[in-house]
Amino acid sequence: MKNKIVLFLFLFLFGIDIVFCQHKQEYLVVHFLYGSKPYKKYKKDESKWFGGILGGHAGVEVDSNQILNFVPQGKFHIVAKKQKNSAFVINDRASFYQILGGNYEENKKLMIVIPITPKQKERLLCVSEKYLAKTPYDYAFLGMRCGAATYDILAQIGILKHRPDFKTSMRIFYPKKVRKKLIKLAQKNNWTIIREEGTKKRKWETD
């Protein structure tokens, strides 16, 4: 009798664990550092950032505190070239939000939390591994940059509409373009949006 009770409890608890695993919800977080420039009276204290008010940065958190993002390396190209002066890198949240400068606590941030399926999670990890090993495109002013690269990653797993790299780079010229698309989708689908306002010493871009 005791053995039957133990077996029943084991199967009951094990069954709960199976159900829990089957219904475990996966998420990814898209991160945005807003573009900015210092107000005149703070120019001595605040540095200029790459891209200024239309700059900023974007990336996708592929695992806990591991943000995949696209950056230039070496000589900056105006037009994309076969020699790829670029790389996908992994940053933790602290270093990601200071990649252009400034203080982590004082920089304006936006995070969009997107529920994904286990298959999408698997695909995301595969894309991350592939892009980290070998960048698929050059970083160029008239080409793919962080905003377009973020769009590409999200398109690869079916969150956004897939387009050729050239069309993506023309449509997503800077991070704000993909940010606006995701904010609209987040509002439509009730995804979580997390905002952190920046220092008053800088003029920040808006949504």
N, C-alpha and C. Protein backbone atom coordinates (compact mmCIF):
# COMPACT_ATOMS: atom_id res chain seq x y z
N MET A 1 0.83 -1.21 0.00
CA MET A 1 0.00 0.00 0.00
C MET A 1 0.86 1.27 0.00
N LYS A 2 1.92 1.21 0.88
CA LYS A 2 2.82 2.37 0.95
C LYS A 2 3.50 2.62 -0.39
N ASN A 3 3.89 1.53 -1.04
CA ASN A 3 4.57 1.65 -2.34
C ASN A 3 3.66 2.30 -3.38
N LYS A 4 2.37 1.94 -3.31
CA LYS A 4 1.41 2.50 -4.26
C LYS A 4 1.23 4.01 -4.02
N ILE A 5 1.21 4.39 -2.74
CA ILE A 5 1.05 5.81 -2.40
C ILE A 5 2.27 6.59 -2.86
N VAL A 6 3.46 6.05 -2.61
CA VAL A 6 4.70 6.71 -3.04
C VAL A 6 4.72 6.85 -4.55
N LEU A 7 4.34 5.78 -5.26
CA LEU A 7 4.31 5.81 -6.72
C LEU A 7 3.32 6.84 -7.22
N PHE A 8 2.15 6.88 -6.57
CA PHE A 8 1.12 7.86 -6.96
C PHE A 8 1.64 9.29 -6.79
N LEU A 9 2.28 9.56 -5.64
CA LEU A 9 2.80 10.90 -5.39
C LEU A 9 3.89 11.27 -6.39
N PHE A 10 4.74 10.29 -6.69
CA PHE A 10 5.83 10.52 -7.66
C PHE A 10 5.26 10.88 -9.02
N LEU A 11 4.29 10.08 -9.48
CA LEU A 11 3.70 10.33 -10.80
C LEU A 11 2.93 11.65 -10.81
N PHE A 12 2.26 11.96 -9.70
CA PHE A 12 1.50 13.21 -9.61
C PHE A 12 2.42 14.42 -9.72
N LEU A 13 3.49 14.41 -8.92
CA LEU A 13 4.44 15.54 -8.93
C LEU A 13 5.19 15.61 -10.25
N PHE A 14 5.58 14.46 -10.78
CA PHE A 14 6.29 14.42 -12.05
C PHE A 14 5.39 14.92 -13.17
N GLY A 15 4.09 14.57 -13.09
CA GLY A 15 3.13 15.02 -14.09
C GLY A 15 2.96 16.52 -14.07
N ILE A 16 2.93 17.12 -12.86
CA ILE A 16 2.83 18.57 -12.73
C ILE A 16 4.03 19.24 -13.37
N ASP A 17 5.22 18.64 -13.14
CA ASP A 17 6.44 19.20 -13.70
C ASP A 17 6.40 19.19 -15.23
N ILE A 18 5.88 18.11 -15.80
CA ILE A 18 5.77 18.01 -17.26
C ILE A 18 4.83 19.08 -17.79
N VAL A 19 3.69 19.23 -17.15
CA VAL A 19 2.72 20.24 -17.58
C VAL A 19 3.33 21.63 -17.49
N PHE A 20 4.06 21.89 -16.39
CA PHE A 20 4.69 23.20 -16.20
C PHE A 20 5.68 23.48 -17.31
N CYS A 21 6.52 22.48 -17.63
CA CYS A 21 7.53 22.66 -18.68
C CYS A 21 6.89 22.89 -20.05
N GLN A 22 5.80 22.17 -20.30
CA GLN A 22 5.14 22.31 -21.59
C GLN A 22 4.55 23.71 -21.76
N HIS A 23 4.17 24.34 -20.65
CA HIS A 23 3.52 25.63 -20.75
C HIS A 23 4.44 26.78 -20.34
N LYS A 24 5.73 26.49 -20.19
CA LYS A 24 6.67 27.54 -19.84
C LYS A 24 6.74 28.58 -20.95
N GLN A 25 6.54 29.82 -20.59
CA GLN A 25 6.54 30.89 -21.58
C GLN A 25 7.95 31.47 -21.73
N GLU A 26 8.40 31.54 -22.98
CA GLU A 26 9.69 32.15 -23.28
C GLU A 26 9.48 33.62 -23.64
N TYR A 27 10.49 34.45 -23.40
CA TYR A 27 10.43 35.87 -23.73
C TYR A 27 11.76 36.31 -24.33
N LEU A 28 11.69 37.36 -25.13
CA LEU A 28 12.91 38.07 -25.49
C LEU A 28 12.66 39.54 -25.19
N VAL A 29 13.74 40.27 -24.97
CA VAL A 29 13.64 41.70 -24.67
C VAL A 29 14.42 42.47 -25.71
N VAL A 30 13.76 43.44 -26.33
CA VAL A 30 14.44 44.32 -27.29
C VAL A 30 14.81 45.60 -26.54
N HIS A 31 16.06 45.98 -26.63
CA HIS A 31 16.59 47.12 -25.88
C HIS A 31 16.88 48.31 -26.80
N PHE A 32 16.53 49.50 -26.33
CA PHE A 32 16.82 50.72 -27.07
C PHE A 32 17.45 51.77 -26.16
N LEU A 33 18.61 52.26 -26.57
CA LEU A 33 19.22 53.44 -25.96
C LEU A 33 18.89 54.61 -26.87
N TYR A 34 18.26 55.63 -26.33
CA TYR A 34 17.82 56.76 -27.16
C TYR A 34 19.00 57.63 -27.58
N GLY A 35 18.88 58.23 -28.77
CA GLY A 35 19.85 59.21 -29.23
C GLY A 35 19.68 60.51 -28.47
N SER A 36 20.76 61.28 -28.40
CA SER A 36 20.67 62.53 -27.64
C SER A 36 21.82 63.47 -27.98
N LYS A 37 21.70 64.68 -27.51
CA LYS A 37 22.79 65.64 -27.57
C LYS A 37 22.72 66.51 -26.32
N PRO A 38 23.85 67.02 -25.86
CA PRO A 38 23.83 67.82 -24.63
C PRO A 38 23.18 69.19 -24.85
N TYR A 39 22.45 69.67 -23.86
CA TYR A 39 21.95 71.04 -23.92
C TYR A 39 23.15 71.99 -23.84
N LYS A 40 22.99 73.17 -24.42
CA LYS A 40 24.10 74.12 -24.53
C LYS A 40 24.81 74.37 -23.22
N LYS A 41 24.06 74.58 -22.16
CA LYS A 41 24.68 74.94 -20.89
C LYS A 41 25.42 73.78 -20.23
N TYR A 42 25.25 72.55 -20.80
CA TYR A 42 25.94 71.39 -20.24
C TYR A 42 26.98 70.80 -21.19
N LYS A 43 27.32 71.52 -22.26
CA LYS A 43 28.23 70.99 -23.26
C LYS A 43 29.61 70.65 -22.69
N LYS A 44 30.02 71.37 -21.66
CA LYS A 44 31.32 71.10 -21.05
C LYS A 44 31.30 69.82 -20.22
N ASP A 45 30.13 69.47 -19.72
CA ASP A 45 30.00 68.29 -18.87
C ASP A 45 29.58 67.04 -19.63
N GLU A 46 28.82 67.23 -20.71
CA GLU A 46 28.26 66.11 -21.46
C GLU A 46 28.94 65.98 -22.82
N SER A 47 29.24 64.76 -23.21
CA SER A 47 29.93 64.53 -24.49
C SER A 47 28.93 64.37 -25.64
N LYS A 48 29.43 64.58 -26.87
CA LYS A 48 28.62 64.32 -28.05
C LYS A 48 28.60 62.82 -28.30
N TRP A 49 27.48 62.35 -28.82
CA TRP A 49 27.34 60.93 -29.13
C TRP A 49 27.29 60.72 -30.63
N PHE A 50 27.73 59.53 -31.03
CA PHE A 50 27.64 59.15 -32.44
C PHE A 50 26.18 59.17 -32.89
N GLY A 51 25.90 59.93 -33.94
CA GLY A 51 24.55 60.02 -34.46
C GLY A 51 23.70 61.10 -33.83
N GLY A 52 24.14 61.62 -32.68
CA GLY A 52 23.41 62.71 -32.03
C GLY A 52 21.98 62.33 -31.70
N ILE A 53 21.08 63.26 -31.97
CA ILE A 53 19.68 63.09 -31.61
C ILE A 53 19.02 61.97 -32.42
N LEU A 54 19.56 61.64 -33.60
CA LEU A 54 19.01 60.57 -34.42
C LEU A 54 19.84 59.29 -34.32
N GLY A 55 20.67 59.23 -33.29
CA GLY A 55 21.51 58.05 -33.10
C GLY A 55 20.87 57.04 -32.18
N GLY A 56 21.54 56.76 -31.09
CA GLY A 56 21.04 55.74 -30.18
C GLY A 56 21.57 54.37 -30.54
N HIS A 57 21.02 53.36 -29.91
CA HIS A 57 21.49 52.00 -30.15
C HIS A 57 20.35 51.03 -29.90
N ALA A 58 20.47 49.84 -30.49
CA ALA A 58 19.42 48.82 -30.35
C ALA A 58 20.04 47.44 -30.32
N GLY A 59 19.38 46.52 -29.62
CA GLY A 59 19.86 45.15 -29.56
C GLY A 59 18.79 44.23 -29.02
N VAL A 60 19.03 42.94 -29.12
CA VAL A 60 18.07 41.92 -28.69
C VAL A 60 18.70 41.05 -27.61
N GLU A 61 18.02 40.92 -26.49
CA GLU A 61 18.51 40.08 -25.39
C GLU A 61 18.19 38.63 -25.71
N VAL A 62 19.23 37.86 -26.04
CA VAL A 62 19.03 36.48 -26.47
C VAL A 62 19.01 35.52 -25.28
N ASP A 63 19.57 35.94 -24.17
CA ASP A 63 19.56 35.15 -22.94
C ASP A 63 19.65 36.15 -21.79
N SER A 64 19.54 35.68 -20.58
CA SER A 64 19.53 36.57 -19.42
C SER A 64 20.76 37.48 -19.39
N ASN A 65 20.52 38.78 -19.52
CA ASN A 65 21.58 39.80 -19.46
C ASN A 65 22.62 39.64 -20.56
N GLN A 66 22.21 39.06 -21.70
CA GLN A 66 23.11 38.87 -22.84
C GLN A 66 22.46 39.51 -24.07
N ILE A 67 22.91 40.72 -24.40
CA ILE A 67 22.28 41.49 -25.47
C ILE A 67 23.12 41.41 -26.75
N LEU A 68 22.52 40.85 -27.78
CA LEU A 68 23.15 40.75 -29.10
C LEU A 68 22.95 42.07 -29.83
N ASN A 69 24.06 42.70 -30.27
CA ASN A 69 23.94 43.98 -30.98
C ASN A 69 25.04 44.12 -32.02
N PHE A 70 24.77 44.97 -32.99
CA PHE A 70 25.61 45.12 -34.18
C PHE A 70 26.42 46.41 -34.08
N VAL A 71 27.75 46.31 -34.26
CA VAL A 71 28.62 47.48 -34.07
C VAL A 71 29.66 47.56 -35.20
N PRO A 72 30.18 48.77 -35.46
CA PRO A 72 31.26 48.91 -36.44
C PRO A 72 32.59 48.49 -35.82
N GLN A 73 33.49 48.03 -36.67
CA GLN A 73 34.85 47.71 -36.23
C GLN A 73 35.82 48.17 -37.31
N GLY A 74 36.81 48.94 -36.90
CA GLY A 74 37.76 49.44 -37.89
C GLY A 74 37.25 50.69 -38.58
N LYS A 75 37.72 50.92 -39.79
CA LYS A 75 37.36 52.11 -40.55
C LYS A 75 35.87 52.12 -40.90
N PHE A 76 35.22 53.26 -40.62
CA PHE A 76 33.78 53.37 -40.87
C PHE A 76 33.52 53.52 -42.37
N HIS A 77 32.61 52.74 -42.91
CA HIS A 77 32.28 52.78 -44.34
C HIS A 77 31.03 53.62 -44.59
N ILE A 78 31.09 54.45 -45.62
CA ILE A 78 29.90 55.20 -46.03
C ILE A 78 28.94 54.28 -46.78
N VAL A 79 29.49 53.50 -47.70
CA VAL A 79 28.72 52.51 -48.46
C VAL A 79 29.21 51.12 -48.07
N ALA A 80 28.31 50.18 -47.97
CA ALA A 80 28.66 48.82 -47.59
C ALA A 80 29.66 48.21 -48.58
N LYS A 81 30.63 47.49 -48.04
CA LYS A 81 31.66 46.86 -48.86
C LYS A 81 31.77 45.37 -48.54
N LYS A 82 32.49 44.66 -49.41
CA LYS A 82 32.69 43.23 -49.19
C LYS A 82 33.54 43.00 -47.94
N GLN A 83 34.52 43.88 -47.71
CA GLN A 83 35.32 43.80 -46.49
C GLN A 83 34.45 44.30 -45.34
N LYS A 84 34.05 43.43 -44.49
CA LYS A 84 33.08 43.76 -43.45
C LYS A 84 33.76 44.32 -42.20
N ASN A 85 33.72 45.64 -42.06
CA ASN A 85 34.24 46.28 -40.85
C ASN A 85 33.13 46.37 -39.81
N SER A 86 32.74 45.20 -39.31
CA SER A 86 31.59 45.14 -38.42
C SER A 86 31.61 43.84 -37.64
N ALA A 87 30.77 43.78 -36.62
CA ALA A 87 30.66 42.55 -35.84
C ALA A 87 29.39 42.57 -35.02
N PHE A 88 28.85 41.40 -34.78
CA PHE A 88 27.82 41.23 -33.75
C PHE A 88 28.54 40.89 -32.46
N VAL A 89 28.13 41.54 -31.39
CA VAL A 89 28.77 41.32 -30.09
C VAL A 89 27.69 41.10 -29.03
N ILE A 90 28.12 40.58 -27.90
CA ILE A 90 27.25 40.41 -26.74
C ILE A 90 27.68 41.39 -25.65
N ASN A 91 26.72 42.14 -25.14
CA ASN A 91 26.96 43.04 -24.01
C ASN A 91 25.97 42.72 -22.89
N ASP A 92 26.40 42.92 -21.66
CA ASP A 92 25.42 42.88 -20.58
C ASP A 92 24.67 44.22 -20.60
N ARG A 93 23.64 44.34 -19.78
CA ARG A 93 22.80 45.55 -19.83
C ARG A 93 23.60 46.81 -19.48
N ALA A 94 24.45 46.71 -18.48
CA ALA A 94 25.21 47.88 -18.05
C ALA A 94 26.09 48.41 -19.18
N SER A 95 26.84 47.53 -19.83
CA SER A 95 27.75 47.99 -20.89
C SER A 95 26.98 48.37 -22.16
N PHE A 96 25.85 47.70 -22.43
CA PHE A 96 25.06 48.05 -23.61
C PHE A 96 24.57 49.49 -23.52
N TYR A 97 24.05 49.88 -22.36
CA TYR A 97 23.47 51.21 -22.21
C TYR A 97 24.50 52.31 -21.97
N GLN A 98 25.77 51.94 -22.00
CA GLN A 98 26.84 52.93 -21.93
C GLN A 98 27.72 52.89 -23.17
N ILE A 99 27.27 52.18 -24.19
CA ILE A 99 28.10 51.95 -25.37
C ILE A 99 28.42 53.24 -26.13
N LEU A 100 27.53 54.24 -26.03
CA LEU A 100 27.78 55.52 -26.69
C LEU A 100 28.39 56.55 -25.73
N GLY A 101 28.38 56.23 -24.45
CA GLY A 101 28.89 57.14 -23.44
C GLY A 101 27.84 57.40 -22.38
N GLY A 102 28.17 58.29 -21.47
CA GLY A 102 27.22 58.64 -20.43
C GLY A 102 27.17 57.62 -19.31
N ASN A 103 26.28 57.86 -18.39
CA ASN A 103 26.12 57.03 -17.20
C ASN A 103 24.90 56.14 -17.35
N TYR A 104 25.03 54.87 -16.95
CA TYR A 104 23.94 53.91 -17.11
C TYR A 104 22.64 54.41 -16.50
N GLU A 105 22.71 54.91 -15.28
CA GLU A 105 21.50 55.35 -14.59
C GLU A 105 20.87 56.58 -15.24
N GLU A 106 21.68 57.39 -15.94
CA GLU A 106 21.19 58.65 -16.49
C GLU A 106 20.78 58.56 -17.96
N ASN A 107 21.03 57.44 -18.60
CA ASN A 107 20.70 57.31 -20.01
C ASN A 107 19.25 56.86 -20.22
N LYS A 108 18.62 57.41 -21.24
CA LYS A 108 17.22 57.10 -21.53
C LYS A 108 17.11 55.74 -22.21
N LYS A 109 16.26 54.88 -21.67
CA LYS A 109 16.16 53.51 -22.14
C LYS A 109 14.70 53.13 -22.41
N LEU A 110 14.55 52.15 -23.29
CA LEU A 110 13.25 51.54 -23.51
C LEU A 110 13.45 50.06 -23.75
N MET A 111 12.64 49.23 -23.07
CA MET A 111 12.71 47.78 -23.24
C MET A 111 11.32 47.26 -23.58
N ILE A 112 11.24 46.43 -24.59
CA ILE A 112 9.98 45.82 -24.98
C ILE A 112 10.10 44.31 -24.78
N VAL A 113 9.23 43.76 -23.94
CA VAL A 113 9.27 42.34 -23.60
C VAL A 113 8.27 41.60 -24.49
N ILE A 114 8.79 40.68 -25.30
CA ILE A 114 7.97 39.99 -26.30
C ILE A 114 7.88 38.50 -25.98
N PRO A 115 6.68 37.96 -25.79
CA PRO A 115 6.55 36.52 -25.58
C PRO A 115 6.83 35.77 -26.89
N ILE A 116 7.59 34.70 -26.80
CA ILE A 116 7.93 33.91 -27.99
C ILE A 116 7.73 32.43 -27.68
N THR A 117 7.64 31.63 -28.71
CA THR A 117 7.49 30.19 -28.56
C THR A 117 8.86 29.55 -28.34
N PRO A 118 8.88 28.31 -27.83
CA PRO A 118 10.17 27.60 -27.69
C PRO A 118 10.91 27.48 -29.03
N LYS A 119 10.19 27.30 -30.13
CA LYS A 119 10.83 27.21 -31.44
C LYS A 119 11.47 28.54 -31.82
N GLN A 120 10.78 29.64 -31.52
CA GLN A 120 11.36 30.95 -31.80
C GLN A 120 12.60 31.20 -30.95
N LYS A 121 12.55 30.75 -29.69
CA LYS A 121 13.72 30.87 -28.81
C LYS A 121 14.89 30.09 -29.38
N GLU A 122 14.63 28.88 -29.83
CA GLU A 122 15.68 28.04 -30.41
C GLU A 122 16.26 28.71 -31.65
N ARG A 123 15.37 29.27 -32.49
CA ARG A 123 15.82 29.95 -33.69
C ARG A 123 16.66 31.18 -33.33
N LEU A 124 16.24 31.92 -32.31
CA LEU A 124 16.98 33.10 -31.86
C LEU A 124 18.39 32.74 -31.44
N LEU A 125 18.53 31.67 -30.69
CA LEU A 125 19.85 31.23 -30.24
C LEU A 125 20.72 30.79 -31.41
N CYS A 126 20.11 30.16 -32.40
CA CYS A 126 20.85 29.73 -33.60
C CYS A 126 21.34 30.93 -34.40
N VAL A 127 20.46 31.92 -34.57
CA VAL A 127 20.85 33.14 -35.29
C VAL A 127 21.97 33.86 -34.55
N SER A 128 21.84 33.93 -33.23
CA SER A 128 22.87 34.58 -32.41
C SER A 128 24.22 33.90 -32.59
N GLU A 129 24.23 32.59 -32.49
CA GLU A 129 25.48 31.83 -32.64
C GLU A 129 26.09 32.04 -34.02
N LYS A 130 25.25 32.02 -35.04
CA LYS A 130 25.72 32.19 -36.42
C LYS A 130 26.28 33.59 -36.65
N TYR A 131 25.57 34.62 -36.19
CA TYR A 131 26.00 36.00 -36.41
C TYR A 131 27.23 36.37 -35.59
N LEU A 132 27.37 35.79 -34.40
CA LEU A 132 28.55 36.04 -33.59
C LEU A 132 29.79 35.42 -34.22
N ALA A 133 29.60 34.27 -34.87
CA ALA A 133 30.72 33.58 -35.52
C ALA A 133 31.17 34.31 -36.79
N LYS A 134 30.21 34.84 -37.53
CA LYS A 134 30.54 35.53 -38.79
C LYS A 134 29.45 36.54 -39.12
N THR A 135 29.81 37.82 -39.16
CA THR A 135 28.82 38.84 -39.45
C THR A 135 28.30 38.71 -40.88
N PRO A 136 27.01 38.81 -41.10
CA PRO A 136 26.44 38.60 -42.44
C PRO A 136 26.52 39.83 -43.34
N TYR A 137 26.82 41.00 -42.79
CA TYR A 137 26.86 42.22 -43.60
C TYR A 137 27.79 43.26 -42.99
N ASP A 138 28.15 44.23 -43.81
CA ASP A 138 29.02 45.32 -43.38
C ASP A 138 28.20 46.37 -42.63
N TYR A 139 28.87 47.09 -41.74
CA TYR A 139 28.26 48.23 -41.06
C TYR A 139 28.61 49.47 -41.88
N ALA A 140 27.59 50.17 -42.38
CA ALA A 140 27.84 51.32 -43.24
C ALA A 140 26.76 52.37 -43.07
N PHE A 141 27.12 53.62 -43.33
CA PHE A 141 26.15 54.71 -43.23
C PHE A 141 24.99 54.46 -44.18
N LEU A 142 25.30 54.07 -45.42
CA LEU A 142 24.27 53.70 -46.39
C LEU A 142 24.20 52.18 -46.46
N GLY A 143 23.81 51.59 -45.37
CA GLY A 143 23.75 50.13 -45.30
C GLY A 143 23.19 49.70 -43.96
N MET A 144 23.52 48.50 -43.56
CA MET A 144 23.01 47.95 -42.31
C MET A 144 23.71 48.59 -41.11
N ARG A 145 22.90 48.99 -40.14
CA ARG A 145 23.42 49.50 -38.87
C ARG A 145 22.62 48.85 -37.74
N CYS A 146 22.77 49.34 -36.52
CA CYS A 146 22.20 48.61 -35.38
C CYS A 146 20.68 48.47 -35.45
N GLY A 147 19.98 49.52 -35.91
CA GLY A 147 18.53 49.44 -36.00
C GLY A 147 18.07 48.42 -37.03
N ALA A 148 18.71 48.45 -38.21
CA ALA A 148 18.36 47.50 -39.27
C ALA A 148 18.74 46.08 -38.87
N ALA A 149 19.88 45.94 -38.18
CA ALA A 149 20.30 44.61 -37.74
C ALA A 149 19.34 44.04 -36.70
N THR A 150 18.84 44.89 -35.83
CA THR A 150 17.84 44.45 -34.84
C THR A 150 16.57 44.01 -35.55
N TYR A 151 16.15 44.78 -36.55
CA TYR A 151 14.98 44.39 -37.35
C TYR A 151 15.22 43.02 -37.98
N ASP A 152 16.41 42.82 -38.54
CA ASP A 152 16.74 41.56 -39.20
C ASP A 152 16.62 40.38 -38.24
N ILE A 153 17.16 40.52 -37.03
CA ILE A 153 17.09 39.44 -36.05
C ILE A 153 15.63 39.09 -35.73
N LEU A 154 14.82 40.12 -35.52
CA LEU A 154 13.41 39.89 -35.19
C LEU A 154 12.65 39.29 -36.38
N ALA A 155 13.04 39.65 -37.59
CA ALA A 155 12.42 39.07 -38.79
C ALA A 155 12.82 37.60 -38.94
N GLN A 156 14.04 37.28 -38.55
CA GLN A 156 14.52 35.90 -38.66
C GLN A 156 13.69 34.93 -37.82
N ILE A 157 13.10 35.44 -36.74
CA ILE A 157 12.30 34.54 -35.87
C ILE A 157 10.79 34.78 -36.01
N GLY A 158 10.41 35.60 -36.99
CA GLY A 158 9.00 35.73 -37.32
C GLY A 158 8.22 36.78 -36.57
N ILE A 159 8.91 37.70 -35.88
CA ILE A 159 8.20 38.77 -35.17
C ILE A 159 7.89 39.93 -36.11
N LEU A 160 8.80 40.22 -37.01
CA LEU A 160 8.61 41.27 -38.01
C LEU A 160 8.67 40.66 -39.41
N LYS A 161 8.19 41.40 -40.38
CA LYS A 161 8.16 40.94 -41.76
C LYS A 161 9.56 40.87 -42.34
N HIS A 162 9.88 39.74 -42.94
CA HIS A 162 11.22 39.57 -43.51
C HIS A 162 11.36 40.36 -44.81
N ARG A 163 12.49 41.06 -44.94
CA ARG A 163 12.81 41.82 -46.15
C ARG A 163 14.28 41.61 -46.49
N PRO A 164 14.67 41.80 -47.77
CA PRO A 164 16.10 41.74 -48.12
C PRO A 164 16.87 42.81 -47.34
N ASP A 165 18.16 42.57 -47.13
CA ASP A 165 18.98 43.50 -46.35
C ASP A 165 18.93 44.92 -46.89
N PHE A 166 18.97 45.06 -48.22
CA PHE A 166 18.97 46.41 -48.81
C PHE A 166 17.70 47.17 -48.43
N LYS A 167 16.54 46.51 -48.57
CA LYS A 167 15.27 47.17 -48.22
C LYS A 167 15.20 47.46 -46.73
N THR A 168 15.71 46.54 -45.92
CA THR A 168 15.72 46.76 -44.47
C THR A 168 16.55 47.97 -44.12
N SER A 169 17.74 48.08 -44.72
CA SER A 169 18.64 49.20 -44.41
C SER A 169 18.05 50.53 -44.85
N MET A 170 17.28 50.55 -45.94
CA MET A 170 16.67 51.79 -46.41
C MET A 170 15.47 52.19 -45.54
N ARG A 171 14.72 51.20 -45.09
CA ARG A 171 13.53 51.47 -44.28
C ARG A 171 13.89 51.77 -42.81
N ILE A 172 14.89 51.07 -42.32
CA ILE A 172 15.28 51.23 -40.91
C ILE A 172 16.63 51.95 -40.88
N PHE A 173 16.59 53.25 -41.16
CA PHE A 173 17.83 54.02 -41.29
C PHE A 173 18.47 54.30 -39.94
N TYR A 174 17.67 54.36 -38.89
CA TYR A 174 18.20 54.53 -37.54
C TYR A 174 17.24 53.86 -36.55
N PRO A 175 17.67 53.63 -35.30
CA PRO A 175 16.89 52.81 -34.36
C PRO A 175 15.44 53.23 -34.15
N LYS A 176 15.17 54.54 -34.25
CA LYS A 176 13.81 55.01 -33.98
C LYS A 176 12.78 54.34 -34.89
N LYS A 177 13.19 54.01 -36.12
CA LYS A 177 12.26 53.40 -37.08
C LYS A 177 11.74 52.05 -36.60
N VAL A 178 12.65 51.22 -36.13
CA VAL A 178 12.21 49.90 -35.64
C VAL A 178 11.56 50.03 -34.27
N ARG A 179 11.99 51.00 -33.48
CA ARG A 179 11.39 51.21 -32.16
C ARG A 179 9.91 51.57 -32.29
N LYS A 180 9.58 52.46 -33.23
CA LYS A 180 8.19 52.87 -33.44
C LYS A 180 7.33 51.68 -33.86
N LYS A 181 7.88 50.83 -34.72
CA LYS A 181 7.14 49.65 -35.16
C LYS A 181 6.83 48.74 -33.97
N LEU A 182 7.84 48.54 -33.12
CA LEU A 182 7.65 47.63 -32.00
C LEU A 182 6.74 48.21 -30.93
N ILE A 183 6.78 49.52 -30.73
CA ILE A 183 5.87 50.14 -29.76
C ILE A 183 4.43 49.95 -30.20
N LYS A 184 4.16 50.11 -31.50
CA LYS A 184 2.81 49.90 -32.02
C LYS A 184 2.37 48.45 -31.83
N LEU A 185 3.27 47.51 -32.12
CA LEU A 185 2.94 46.10 -31.94
C LEU A 185 2.73 45.77 -30.46
N ALA A 186 3.54 46.39 -29.61
CA ALA A 186 3.42 46.15 -28.17
C ALA A 186 2.07 46.63 -27.65
N GLN A 187 1.64 47.80 -28.11
CA GLN A 187 0.35 48.34 -27.69
C GLN A 187 -0.80 47.48 -28.21
N LYS A 188 -0.64 46.97 -29.42
CA LYS A 188 -1.67 46.12 -30.02
C LYS A 188 -1.77 44.76 -29.33
N ASN A 189 -0.61 44.20 -28.96
CA ASN A 189 -0.56 42.85 -28.43
C ASN A 189 -0.38 42.77 -26.91
N ASN A 190 -0.44 43.94 -26.27
CA ASN A 190 -0.29 44.01 -24.80
C ASN A 190 1.05 43.47 -24.31
N TRP A 191 2.11 43.71 -25.09
CA TRP A 191 3.45 43.38 -24.64
C TRP A 191 3.88 44.41 -23.60
N THR A 192 4.74 44.01 -22.72
CA THR A 192 5.23 44.91 -21.67
C THR A 192 6.25 45.91 -22.23
N ILE A 193 6.05 47.17 -21.90
CA ILE A 193 6.99 48.23 -22.28
C ILE A 193 7.56 48.83 -21.00
N ILE A 194 8.88 48.87 -20.91
CA ILE A 194 9.56 49.43 -19.74
C ILE A 194 10.35 50.65 -20.19
N ARG A 195 10.11 51.78 -19.54
CA ARG A 195 10.80 53.03 -19.90
C ARG A 195 11.60 53.54 -18.70
N GLU A 196 12.74 54.13 -19.00
CA GLU A 196 13.53 54.81 -18.00
C GLU A 196 13.99 56.14 -18.60
N GLU A 197 13.57 57.22 -17.98
CA GLU A 197 13.87 58.55 -18.50
C GLU A 197 15.34 58.91 -18.26
N GLY A 198 15.87 59.75 -19.14
CA GLY A 198 17.27 60.12 -19.06
C GLY A 198 17.51 61.42 -18.31
N THR A 199 18.77 61.75 -18.15
CA THR A 199 19.18 62.97 -17.47
C THR A 199 18.60 64.21 -18.15
N LYS A 200 18.36 65.25 -17.37
CA LYS A 200 17.83 66.50 -17.89
C LYS A 200 18.92 67.35 -18.52
N LYS A 201 20.15 66.87 -18.49
CA LYS A 201 21.27 67.61 -19.08
C LYS A 201 21.37 67.40 -20.58
N ARG A 202 20.63 66.45 -21.09
CA ARG A 202 20.67 66.11 -22.52
C ARG A 202 19.27 66.23 -23.14
N LYS A 203 19.26 66.57 -24.42
CA LYS A 203 18.01 66.56 -25.18
C LYS A 203 17.89 65.18 -25.81
N TRP A 204 16.85 64.46 -25.43
CA TRP A 204 16.66 63.09 -25.91
C TRP A 204 15.66 63.05 -27.05
N GLU A 205 15.88 62.11 -27.96
CA GLU A 205 14.89 61.91 -29.01
C GLU A 205 13.61 61.33 -28.39
N THR A 206 12.52 61.53 -29.06
CA THR A 206 11.23 61.02 -28.59
C THR A 206 10.89 59.73 -29.33
N ASP A 207 9.79 59.11 -28.94
CA ASP A 207 9.35 57.89 -29.63
C ASP A 207 8.95 58.18 -31.07
